[in-house]
C-alpha atoms as a PDB file:
ATOM      1  CA  UNK A   1     101.958 115.239  85.665  1.00  0.00           C
ATOM      2  CA  UNK A   2     104.680 116.573  87.939  1.00  0.00           C
ATOM      3  CA  UNK A   3     107.530 114.221  88.781  1.00  0.00           C
ATOM      4  CA  UNK A   4     108.623 114.476  92.409  1.00  0.00           C
ATOM      5  CA  UNK A   5     111.739 112.877  93.878  1.00  0.00           C
ATOM      6  CA  UNK A   6     113.227 112.986  97.348  1.00  0.00           C
ATOM      7  CA  UNK A   7     115.425 116.010  96.620  1.00  0.00           C
ATOM      8  CA  UNK A   8     112.736 117.941  94.763  1.00  0.00           C
ATOM      9  CA  UNK A   9     111.969 121.424  96.019  1.00  0.00           C
ATOM     10  CA  UNK A  10     108.475 121.357  94.533  1.00  0.00           C
ATOM     11  CA  UNK A  11     105.637 121.900  96.991  1.00  0.00           C
ATOM     12  CA  UNK A  12     102.964 119.207  96.770  1.00  0.00           C
ATOM     13  CA  UNK A  13      99.305 119.937  97.211  1.00  0.00           C
ATOM     14  CA  UNK A  14      97.426 117.684  99.655  1.00  0.00           C
ATOM     15  CA  UNK A  15      96.453 114.625  97.645  1.00  0.00           C
ATOM     16  CA  UNK A  16      94.841 111.224  97.339  1.00  0.00           C
ATOM     17  CA  UNK A  17      97.515 108.616  96.560  1.00  0.00           C
ATOM     18  CA  UNK A  18      98.208 104.990  95.885  1.00  0.00           C
ATOM     19  CA  UNK A  19     101.495 103.129  96.038  1.00  0.00           C
ATOM     20  CA  UNK A  20     103.153 100.348  94.067  1.00  0.00           C
ATOM     21  CA  UNK A  21     105.920  99.479  91.632  1.00  0.00           C
ATOM     22  CA  UNK A  22     103.427  99.621  88.727  1.00  0.00           C
ATOM     23  CA  UNK A  23     105.542  97.611  86.297  1.00  0.00           C
ATOM     24  CA  UNK A  24     103.847  97.812  82.901  1.00  0.00           C
ATOM     25  CA  UNK A  25     101.163 100.277  84.056  1.00  0.00           C
ATOM     26  CA  UNK A  26      98.680  97.643  82.906  1.00  0.00           C
ATOM     27  CA  UNK A  27      94.861  97.706  82.913  1.00  0.00           C
ATOM     28  CA  UNK A  28      94.703  96.741  86.579  1.00  0.00           C
ATOM     29  CA  UNK A  29      97.047  99.576  87.522  1.00  0.00           C
ATOM     30  CA  UNK A  30      95.074 102.098  85.482  1.00  0.00           C
ATOM     31  CA  UNK A  31      91.819 100.889  87.042  1.00  0.00           C
ATOM     32  CA  UNK A  32      93.347 101.551  90.488  1.00  0.00           C
ATOM     33  CA  UNK A  33      94.737 104.947  89.461  1.00  0.00           C
ATOM     34  CA  UNK A  34      91.362 105.995  88.059  1.00  0.00           C
ATOM     35  CA  UNK A  35      89.825 105.259  91.472  1.00  0.00           C
ATOM     36  CA  UNK A  36      92.464 107.586  92.949  1.00  0.00           C
ATOM     37  CA  UNK A  37      91.565 110.311  90.450  1.00  0.00           C
ATOM     38  CA  UNK A  38      87.816 109.998  91.081  1.00  0.00           C
ATOM     39  CA  UNK A  39      88.339 110.058  94.849  1.00  0.00           C
ATOM     40  CA  UNK A  40      90.610 113.096  94.537  1.00  0.00           C
ATOM     41  CA  UNK A  41      87.973 115.002  92.582  1.00  0.00           C
ATOM     42  CA  UNK A  42      85.293 114.122  95.133  1.00  0.00           C
ATOM     43  CA  UNK A  43      87.524 115.340  97.988  1.00  0.00           C
ATOM     44  CA  UNK A  44      88.795 118.441  96.205  1.00  0.00           C
ATOM     45  CA  UNK A  45      92.369 117.136  96.392  1.00  0.00           C
ATOM     46  CA  UNK A  46      95.193 116.444  93.954  1.00  0.00           C
ATOM     47  CA  UNK A  47      95.995 112.884  92.839  1.00  0.00           C
ATOM     48  CA  UNK A  48      99.321 111.095  93.295  1.00  0.00           C
ATOM     49  CA  UNK A  49     101.062 107.832  92.474  1.00  0.00           C
ATOM     50  CA  UNK A  50     103.950 106.757  94.698  1.00  0.00           C
ATOM     51  CA  UNK A  51     106.428 104.419  93.032  1.00  0.00           C
ATOM     52  CA  UNK A  52     110.100 103.441  92.817  1.00  0.00           C
ATOM     53  CA  UNK A  53     112.719 103.787  90.038  1.00  0.00           C
ATOM     54  CA  UNK A  54     114.304 100.377  90.737  1.00  0.00           C
ATOM     55  CA  UNK A  55     112.559  97.114  91.574  1.00  0.00           C
ATOM     56  CA  UNK A  56     112.635  96.808  95.405  1.00  0.00           C
ATOM     57  CA  UNK A  57     113.839  93.217  95.270  1.00  0.00           C
ATOM     58  CA  UNK A  58     116.822  94.223  93.124  1.00  0.00           C
ATOM     59  CA  UNK A  59     117.873  96.747  95.776  1.00  0.00           C
ATOM     60  CA  UNK A  60     117.869  94.029  98.431  1.00  0.00           C
ATOM     61  CA  UNK A  61     119.230  91.282  96.153  1.00  0.00           C
ATOM     62  CA  UNK A  62     121.780  92.639  93.652  1.00  0.00           C
ATOM     63  CA  UNK A  63     121.809  89.512  91.457  1.00  0.00           C
ATOM     64  CA  UNK A  64     118.026  89.557  90.970  1.00  0.00           C
ATOM     65  CA  UNK A  65     116.935  89.947  87.333  1.00  0.00           C
ATOM     66  CA  UNK A  66     113.429  91.443  87.434  1.00  0.00           C
ATOM     67  CA  UNK A  67     112.420  91.031  83.732  1.00  0.00           C
ATOM     68  CA  UNK A  68     110.756  94.424  83.602  1.00  0.00           C
ATOM     69  CA  UNK A  69     107.699  95.153  81.481  1.00  0.00           C
ATOM     70  CA  UNK A  70     108.690  98.822  81.519  1.00  0.00           C
ATOM     71  CA  UNK A  71     111.891 100.695  82.310  1.00  0.00           C
ATOM     72  CA  UNK A  72     111.623 103.603  84.733  1.00  0.00           C
ATOM     73  CA  UNK A  73     111.437 106.114  81.872  1.00  0.00           C
ATOM     74  CA  UNK A  74     108.751 104.100  80.060  1.00  0.00           C
ATOM     75  CA  UNK A  75     106.750 103.750  83.270  1.00  0.00           C
ATOM     76  CA  UNK A  76     106.828 107.498  83.865  1.00  0.00           C
ATOM     77  CA  UNK A  77     105.488 108.142  80.350  1.00  0.00           C
ATOM     78  CA  UNK A  78     102.652 105.644  80.822  1.00  0.00           C
ATOM     79  CA  UNK A  79     101.771 107.061  84.258  1.00  0.00           C
ATOM     80  CA  UNK A  80     101.634 110.565  82.763  1.00  0.00           C
ATOM     81  CA  UNK A  81      99.010 109.300  80.303  1.00  0.00           C
ATOM     82  CA  UNK A  82      96.671 108.392  83.196  1.00  0.00           C
ATOM     83  CA  UNK A  83      96.059 112.065  84.009  1.00  0.00           C
ATOM     84  CA  UNK A  84      97.482 111.808  87.533  1.00  0.00           C
ATOM     85  CA  UNK A  85      98.746 115.076  89.042  1.00  0.00           C
ATOM     86  CA  UNK A  86     101.921 113.852  90.770  1.00  0.00           C
ATOM     87  CA  UNK A  87     104.304 110.924  90.439  1.00  0.00           C
ATOM     88  CA  UNK A  88     106.343 110.647  93.630  1.00  0.00           C
ATOM     89  CA  UNK A  89     109.505 108.657  92.885  1.00  0.00           C
ATOM     90  CA  UNK A  90     111.018 107.222  96.063  1.00  0.00           C
ATOM     91  CA  UNK A  91     114.449 105.605  96.182  1.00  0.00           C
ATOM     92  CA  UNK A  92     113.900 102.183  97.692  1.00  0.00           C
ATOM     93  CA  UNK A  93     116.814 101.850 100.102  1.00  0.00           C
ATOM     94  CA  UNK A  94     117.615  99.282 102.810  1.00  0.00           C
ATOM     95  CA  UNK A  95     116.657 101.897 105.420  1.00  0.00           C
ATOM     96  CA  UNK A  96     113.295 102.478 103.715  1.00  0.00           C
ATOM     97  CA  UNK A  97     112.750  98.709 103.598  1.00  0.00           C
ATOM     98  CA  UNK A  98     113.149  98.561 107.384  1.00  0.00           C
ATOM     99  CA  UNK A  99     110.266 100.972 108.023  1.00  0.00           C
ATOM    100  CA  UNK A 100     107.082  99.504 109.425  1.00  0.00           C
ATOM    101  CA  UNK A 101     103.844 100.215 107.586  1.00  0.00           C
ATOM    102  CA  UNK A 102     102.954 102.793 110.234  1.00  0.00           C
ATOM    103  CA  UNK A 103     106.320 104.547 109.931  1.00  0.00           C
ATOM    104  CA  UNK A 104     106.087 104.580 106.148  1.00  0.00           C
ATOM    105  CA  UNK A 105     102.575 106.018 106.243  1.00  0.00           C
ATOM    106  CA  UNK A 106     103.840 108.747 108.592  1.00  0.00           C
ATOM    107  CA  UNK A 107     106.461 109.701 105.987  1.00  0.00           C
ATOM    108  CA  UNK A 108     103.768 109.889 103.296  1.00  0.00           C
ATOM    109  CA  UNK A 109     101.603 112.117 105.473  1.00  0.00           C
ATOM    110  CA  UNK A 110     104.275 114.455 106.798  1.00  0.00           C
ATOM    111  CA  UNK A 111     106.618 114.783 103.804  1.00  0.00           C
ATOM    112  CA  UNK A 112     104.325 114.287 100.813  1.00  0.00           C
ATOM    113  CA  UNK A 113     100.975 115.657 102.051  1.00  0.00           C
ATOM    114  CA  UNK A 114      99.082 112.404 101.439  1.00  0.00           C
ATOM    115  CA  UNK A 115      95.635 112.896 102.967  1.00  0.00           C
ATOM    116  CA  UNK A 116      93.927 109.793 101.551  1.00  0.00           C
ATOM    117  CA  UNK A 117      95.683 106.504 100.751  1.00  0.00           C
ATOM    118  CA  UNK A 118      93.973 104.102  98.332  1.00  0.00           C
ATOM    119  CA  UNK A 119      95.338 100.592  98.874  1.00  0.00           C
ATOM    120  CA  UNK A 120      95.211  97.951  96.143  1.00  0.00           C
ATOM    121  CA  UNK A 121      93.001  95.006  97.090  1.00  0.00           C
ATOM    122  CA  UNK A 122      95.976  92.611  97.404  1.00  0.00           C
ATOM    123  CA  UNK A 123      98.758  95.081  98.210  1.00  0.00           C
ATOM    124  CA  UNK A 124     100.874  95.001 101.367  1.00  0.00           C
ATOM    125  CA  UNK A 125     103.736  97.257 102.361  1.00  0.00           C
ATOM    126  CA  UNK A 126     106.047  97.878 105.295  1.00  0.00           C
ATOM    127  CA  UNK A 127     108.845  95.741 106.757  1.00  0.00           C
ATOM    128  CA  UNK A 128     108.093  92.003 106.259  1.00  0.00           C
ATOM    129  CA  UNK A 129     104.612  92.929 104.913  1.00  0.00           C
ATOM    130  CA  UNK A 130     102.992  91.294 107.932  1.00  0.00           C
ATOM    131  CA  UNK A 131     100.251  93.902 108.354  1.00  0.00           C
ATOM    132  CA  UNK A 132      97.066  94.203 106.334  1.00  0.00           C
ATOM    133  CA  UNK A 133      94.336  96.628 105.382  1.00  0.00           C
ATOM    134  CA  UNK A 134      92.692  96.827 108.823  1.00  0.00           C
ATOM    135  CA  UNK A 135      96.074  97.759 110.314  1.00  0.00           C
ATOM    136  CA  UNK A 136      96.529 100.487 107.679  1.00  0.00           C
ATOM    137  CA  UNK A 137      93.102 101.898 108.540  1.00  0.00           C
ATOM    138  CA  UNK A 138      94.016 102.030 112.234  1.00  0.00           C
ATOM    139  CA  UNK A 139      97.363 103.702 111.563  1.00  0.00           C
ATOM    140  CA  UNK A 140      95.623 106.153 109.251  1.00  0.00           C
ATOM    141  CA  UNK A 141      93.223 107.232 111.984  1.00  0.00           C
ATOM    142  CA  UNK A 142      96.176 107.888 114.296  1.00  0.00           C
ATOM    143  CA  UNK A 143      97.937 109.924 111.616  1.00  0.00           C
ATOM    144  CA  UNK A 144      94.887 111.791 110.340  1.00  0.00           C
ATOM    145  CA  UNK A 145      94.977 109.931 107.017  1.00  0.00           C
ATOM    146  CA  UNK A 146      91.949 108.281 105.430  1.00  0.00           C
ATOM    147  CA  UNK A 147      92.649 104.772 104.077  1.00  0.00           C
ATOM    148  CA  UNK A 148      90.416 103.235 101.408  1.00  0.00           C
ATOM    149  CA  UNK A 149      90.405  99.760  99.839  1.00  0.00           C
ATOM    150  CA  UNK A 150      90.419  99.780  96.042  1.00  0.00           C
ATOM    151  CA  UNK A 151      88.122  97.574  93.970  1.00  0.00           C
ATOM    152  CA  UNK A 152      89.859  94.669  92.218  1.00  0.00           C
ATOM    153  CA  UNK A 153      90.152  94.652  88.434  1.00  0.00           C
ATOM    154  CA  UNK A 154      89.199  91.527  86.494  1.00  0.00           C
ATOM    155  CA  UNK A 155      89.606  90.774  82.810  1.00  0.00           C
ATOM    156  CA  UNK A 156      87.681  87.765  81.465  1.00  0.00           C
ATOM    157  CA  UNK A 157      87.485  86.406  85.014  1.00  0.00           C
ATOM    158  CA  UNK A 158      91.306  86.427  85.296  1.00  0.00           C
ATOM    159  CA  UNK A 159      93.097  88.729  87.717  1.00  0.00           C
ATOM    160  CA  UNK A 160      95.506  90.897  85.740  1.00  0.00           C
ATOM    161  CA  UNK A 161      98.977  91.261  87.244  1.00  0.00           C
ATOM    162  CA  UNK A 162     102.502  92.070  86.087  1.00  0.00           C
ATOM    163  CA  UNK A 163     103.583  88.488  86.817  1.00  0.00           C
ATOM    164  CA  UNK A 164     100.748  87.063  84.680  1.00  0.00           C
ATOM    165  CA  UNK A 165     101.757  89.345  81.807  1.00  0.00           C
ATOM    166  CA  UNK A 166     105.414  88.325  82.120  1.00  0.00           C
ATOM    167  CA  UNK A 167     104.372  84.674  81.869  1.00  0.00           C
ATOM    168  CA  UNK A 168     102.320  85.379  78.734  1.00  0.00           C
ATOM    169  CA  UNK A 169     105.192  87.225  77.051  1.00  0.00           C
ATOM    170  CA  UNK A 170     107.694  84.501  77.893  1.00  0.00           C
ATOM    171  CA  UNK A 171     105.321  82.097  76.115  1.00  0.00           C
ATOM    172  CA  UNK A 172     105.118  84.447  73.118  1.00  0.00           C
ATOM    173  CA  UNK A 173     101.441  85.174  73.753  1.00  0.00           C
ATOM    174  CA  UNK A 174     101.654  88.885  72.949  1.00  0.00           C
ATOM    175  CA  UNK A 175      97.966  89.023  71.952  1.00  0.00           C
ATOM    176  CA  UNK A 176      96.693  88.145  75.417  1.00  0.00           C
ATOM    177  CA  UNK A 177      99.441  90.218  77.014  1.00  0.00           C
ATOM    178  CA  UNK A 178      98.192  93.250  75.064  1.00  0.00           C
ATOM    179  CA  UNK A 179      94.673  92.549  76.316  1.00  0.00           C
ATOM    180  CA  UNK A 180      95.977  92.732  79.896  1.00  0.00           C
ATOM    181  CA  UNK A 181      98.261  95.713  79.300  1.00  0.00           C
ATOM    182  CA  UNK A 182      95.790  97.796  77.332  1.00  0.00           C
ATOM    183  CA  UNK A 183      98.441  98.413  74.668  1.00  0.00           C
ATOM    184  CA  UNK A 184     100.897  96.428  72.539  1.00  0.00           C
ATOM    185  CA  UNK A 185     103.948  95.336  74.513  1.00  0.00           C
ATOM    186  CA  UNK A 186     107.007  97.184  73.242  1.00  0.00           C
ATOM    187  CA  UNK A 187     110.789  97.215  73.223  1.00  0.00           C
ATOM    188  CA  UNK A 188     112.838 100.371  72.795  1.00  0.00           C
ATOM    189  CA  UNK A 189     116.483 100.721  71.910  1.00  0.00           C
ATOM    190  CA  UNK A 190     118.967 101.632  69.210  1.00  0.00           C
ATOM    191  CA  UNK A 191     119.477 100.236  65.704  1.00  0.00           C
ATOM    192  CA  UNK A 192     122.886  98.562  65.568  1.00  0.00           C
ATOM    193  CA  UNK A 193     124.889  96.738  62.942  1.00  0.00           C
ATOM    194  CA  UNK A 194     124.210  93.045  62.447  1.00  0.00           C
ATOM    195  CA  UNK A 195     125.469  90.216  60.263  1.00  0.00           C
ATOM    196  CA  UNK A 196     123.977  91.809  57.114  1.00  0.00           C
ATOM    197  CA  UNK A 197     122.798  88.440  55.803  1.00  0.00           C
ATOM    198  CA  UNK A 198     119.177  89.587  55.400  1.00  0.00           C
ATOM    199  CA  UNK A 199     119.948  91.997  52.574  1.00  0.00           C
ATOM    200  CA  UNK A 200     121.638  89.197  50.573  1.00  0.00           C
ATOM    201  CA  UNK A 201     118.440  87.095  50.631  1.00  0.00           C
ATOM    202  CA  UNK A 202     115.950  89.902  49.967  1.00  0.00           C
ATOM    203  CA  UNK A 203     114.991  90.581  53.592  1.00  0.00           C
ATOM    204  CA  UNK A 204     117.175  93.356  55.021  1.00  0.00           C
ATOM    205  CA  UNK A 205     116.717  93.773  58.754  1.00  0.00           C
ATOM    206  CA  UNK A 206     117.281  96.407  61.414  1.00  0.00           C
ATOM    207  CA  UNK A 207     118.832  94.987  64.571  1.00  0.00           C
ATOM    208  CA  UNK A 208     117.511  96.378  67.843  1.00  0.00           C
ATOM    209  CA  UNK A 209     119.786  96.705  70.855  1.00  0.00           C
ATOM    210  CA  UNK A 210     117.640  97.059  73.979  1.00  0.00           C
ATOM    211  CA  UNK A 211     119.276  99.522  76.353  1.00  0.00           C
ATOM    212  CA  UNK A 212     118.136  98.088  79.683  1.00  0.00           C
ATOM    213  CA  UNK A 213     119.278  94.485  80.336  1.00  0.00           C
ATOM    214  CA  UNK A 214     116.402  94.025  82.811  1.00  0.00           C
ATOM    215  CA  UNK A 215     113.755  94.632  80.142  1.00  0.00           C
ATOM    216  CA  UNK A 216     111.831  91.456  79.297  1.00  0.00           C
ATOM    217  CA  UNK A 217     112.265  90.194  75.732  1.00  0.00           C
ATOM    218  CA  UNK A 218     109.391  87.926  74.580  1.00  0.00           C
ATOM    219  CA  UNK A 219     109.849  84.293  73.566  1.00  0.00           C
ATOM    220  CA  UNK A 220     111.935  83.444  70.511  1.00  0.00           C
ATOM    221  CA  UNK A 221     109.994  83.345  67.280  1.00  0.00           C
ATOM    222  CA  UNK A 222     108.528  85.447  64.465  1.00  0.00           C
ATOM    223  CA  UNK A 223     106.090  88.284  65.155  1.00  0.00           C
ATOM    224  CA  UNK A 224     103.938  90.811  63.345  1.00  0.00           C
ATOM    225  CA  UNK A 225     105.051  94.167  64.740  1.00  0.00           C
ATOM    226  CA  UNK A 226     104.716  97.892  64.380  1.00  0.00           C
ATOM    227  CA  UNK A 227     108.024  99.714  64.000  1.00  0.00           C
ATOM    228  CA  UNK A 228     108.411 103.298  65.203  1.00  0.00           C
ATOM    229  CA  UNK A 229     111.510 104.986  63.794  1.00  0.00           C
ATOM    230  CA  UNK A 230     112.326 108.450  62.475  1.00  0.00           C
ATOM    231  CA  UNK A 231     108.994 109.820  63.639  1.00  0.00           C
ATOM    232  CA  UNK A 232     107.068 107.343  61.478  1.00  0.00           C
ATOM    233  CA  UNK A 233     105.177 104.099  62.089  1.00  0.00           C
ATOM    234  CA  UNK A 234     105.642 101.083  59.818  1.00  0.00           C
ATOM    235  CA  UNK A 235     104.521  97.461  59.687  1.00  0.00           C
ATOM    236  CA  UNK A 236     107.112  94.739  59.887  1.00  0.00           C
ATOM    237  CA  UNK A 237     108.018  91.170  60.711  1.00  0.00           C
ATOM    238  CA  UNK A 238     110.395  90.573  63.559  1.00  0.00           C
ATOM    239  CA  UNK A 239     112.522  87.593  64.532  1.00  0.00           C
ATOM    240  CA  UNK A 240     113.845  86.934  68.015  1.00  0.00           C
ATOM    241  CA  UNK A 241     116.323  84.132  68.489  1.00  0.00           C
ATOM    242  CA  UNK A 242     119.769  82.708  67.837  1.00  0.00           C
ATOM    243  CA  UNK A 243     119.452  82.273  64.043  1.00  0.00           C
ATOM    244  CA  UNK A 244     120.061  78.478  64.088  1.00  0.00           C
ATOM    245  CA  UNK A 245     120.034  78.143  60.286  1.00  0.00           C
ATOM    246  CA  UNK A 246     123.015  80.518  60.142  1.00  0.00           C
ATOM    247  CA  UNK A 247     124.858  78.828  63.030  1.00  0.00           C
ATOM    248  CA  UNK A 248     124.736  81.933  65.175  1.00  0.00           C
ATOM    249  CA  UNK A 249     125.530  80.044  68.382  1.00  0.00           C
ATOM    250  CA  UNK A 250     123.926  81.381  71.560  1.00  0.00           C
ATOM    251  CA  UNK A 251     123.991  85.040  70.491  1.00  0.00           C
ATOM    252  CA  UNK A 252     120.322  86.076  70.742  1.00  0.00           C
ATOM    253  CA  UNK A 253     119.263  88.829  68.349  1.00  0.00           C
ATOM    254  CA  UNK A 254     116.199  91.000  67.742  1.00  0.00           C
ATOM    255  CA  UNK A 255     115.922  91.877  64.061  1.00  0.00           C
ATOM    256  CA  UNK A 256     113.044  93.341  62.110  1.00  0.00           C
ATOM    257  CA  UNK A 257     112.294  93.496  58.406  1.00  0.00           C
ATOM    258  CA  UNK A 258     110.342  96.728  57.863  1.00  0.00           C
ATOM    259  CA  UNK A 259     107.794  96.554  55.059  1.00  0.00           C
ATOM    260  CA  UNK A 260     108.121  99.060  52.206  1.00  0.00           C
ATOM    261  CA  UNK A 261     111.140 100.723  53.765  1.00  0.00           C
ATOM    262  CA  UNK A 262     114.603 101.545  52.495  1.00  0.00           C
ATOM    263  CA  UNK A 263     116.648 103.984  54.563  1.00  0.00           C
ATOM    264  CA  UNK A 264     119.786 104.090  56.650  1.00  0.00           C
ATOM    265  CA  UNK A 265     118.675 104.092  60.295  1.00  0.00           C
ATOM    266  CA  UNK A 266     121.829 102.879  62.015  1.00  0.00           C
ATOM    267  CA  UNK A 267     122.299 104.404  65.490  1.00  0.00           C
ATOM    268  CA  UNK A 268     118.771 105.772  65.502  1.00  0.00           C
ATOM    269  CA  UNK A 269     116.277 105.090  68.314  1.00  0.00           C
ATOM    270  CA  UNK A 270     113.600 102.530  67.430  1.00  0.00           C
ATOM    271  CA  UNK A 271     110.536 101.138  69.142  1.00  0.00           C
ATOM    272  CA  UNK A 272     108.998  97.753  68.354  1.00  0.00           C
ATOM    273  CA  UNK A 273     105.345  97.086  69.307  1.00  0.00           C
ATOM    274  CA  UNK A 274     104.310  93.422  69.281  1.00  0.00           C
ATOM    275  CA  UNK A 275     101.037  92.595  67.517  1.00  0.00           C
ATOM    276  CA  UNK A 276     100.991  88.785  67.127  1.00  0.00           C
ATOM    277  CA  UNK A 277     103.375  85.831  67.167  1.00  0.00           C
ATOM    278  CA  UNK A 278     103.132  83.703  64.036  1.00  0.00           C
ATOM    279  CA  UNK A 279     105.551  80.850  64.728  1.00  0.00           C
ATOM    280  CA  UNK A 280     108.459  79.696  66.904  1.00  0.00           C
ATOM    281  CA  UNK A 281     112.068  79.915  65.770  1.00  0.00           C
ATOM    282  CA  UNK A 282     112.923  77.094  63.351  1.00  0.00           C
ATOM    283  CA  UNK A 283     116.130  75.622  61.964  1.00  0.00           C
ATOM    284  CA  UNK A 284     116.250  74.973  58.205  1.00  0.00           C
ATOM    285  CA  UNK A 285     118.661  72.731  56.332  1.00  0.00           C
ATOM    286  CA  UNK A 286     119.354  75.284  53.590  1.00  0.00           C
ATOM    287  CA  UNK A 287     119.190  79.020  52.976  1.00  0.00           C
ATOM    288  CA  UNK A 288     116.654  78.322  50.221  1.00  0.00           C
ATOM    289  CA  UNK A 289     114.287  76.719  52.718  1.00  0.00           C
ATOM    290  CA  UNK A 290     114.723  79.743  55.020  1.00  0.00           C
ATOM    291  CA  UNK A 291     113.886  82.147  52.176  1.00  0.00           C
ATOM    292  CA  UNK A 292     110.771  80.132  51.287  1.00  0.00           C
ATOM    293  CA  UNK A 293     109.606  80.308  54.904  1.00  0.00           C
ATOM    294  CA  UNK A 294     110.288  84.063  55.089  1.00  0.00           C
ATOM    295  CA  UNK A 295     108.015  84.546  52.081  1.00  0.00           C
ATOM    296  CA  UNK A 296     105.274  82.593  53.864  1.00  0.00           C
ATOM    297  CA  UNK A 297     105.867  84.672  57.010  1.00  0.00           C
ATOM    298  CA  UNK A 298     105.574  87.899  55.027  1.00  0.00           C
ATOM    299  CA  UNK A 299     102.281  86.776  53.464  1.00  0.00           C
ATOM    300  CA  UNK A 300     100.804  85.690  56.796  1.00  0.00           C
ATOM    301  CA  UNK A 301     101.824  88.880  58.554  1.00  0.00           C
ATOM    302  CA  UNK A 302     100.415  90.912  55.679  1.00  0.00           C
ATOM    303  CA  UNK A 303      97.069  89.152  56.211  1.00  0.00           C
ATOM    304  CA  UNK A 304      97.215  89.918  59.953  1.00  0.00           C
ATOM    305  CA  UNK A 305      97.678  93.630  59.317  1.00  0.00           C
ATOM    306  CA  UNK A 306      94.957  93.603  56.649  1.00  0.00           C
ATOM    307  CA  UNK A 307      92.499  92.434  59.310  1.00  0.00           C
ATOM    308  CA  UNK A 308      93.380  95.089  61.875  1.00  0.00           C
END
């Protein structure tokens, strides 16, 4: 996949394209992109995805916190896995937001060689989003651009969307979220120093600092996770929360105990993939009660991995 931005000097081939923010690049997105690829092959054209590096609403409303499923870099990697030829990355600016749908389509045709535009079944674009598919078809005829309506994607009779997945993750339902995403939801960041209490009770942890503050962190609780660090993949149990037993205040932490692992990984990049939530965060009266629960957590998570 070739990444194209507004200052790129790369020459694009005429292509079939679709447009959207594509947060999460979930199953619904990939179903739409596959329709683009199939149409491109049938027309003898290249295939393109048009997207934005920053959530459009954040550009227009600086205090908006989008709770992203994927950062821009993560989204690009996932889009590359779809087999698309081009990813056109447009800066969403106030001036771009003022373009009508017809004006925006003219930019796609003239600057980016979009010959066929595949529109998501519920997607609208252009200033105020007041126009719909029939309008896009009419504008396309005037511009010499074919406009097609994509088929909707359904999963267990539920429409998959980024907002639905966010809701699931904020409830801690990472199993159903993975079903909608087509992969385990993940967090990426750097291993940083923590309170170092875990090693004193037999459960040393690696603390993850997520780089992007807009990245969604799932609900507090304990999870079975895969840990990717140092080029290897491990199983682990992860805790998200404020460590109430240790009187940690409101400081929310993400710490993982990696099974069968003993190495110094401070300042190294780490990725956490969520498999299943086992319980909410709990407050215990004593450290001994906490240790007893951690042993139960370890056993339960071991059983989860044994069944995968």
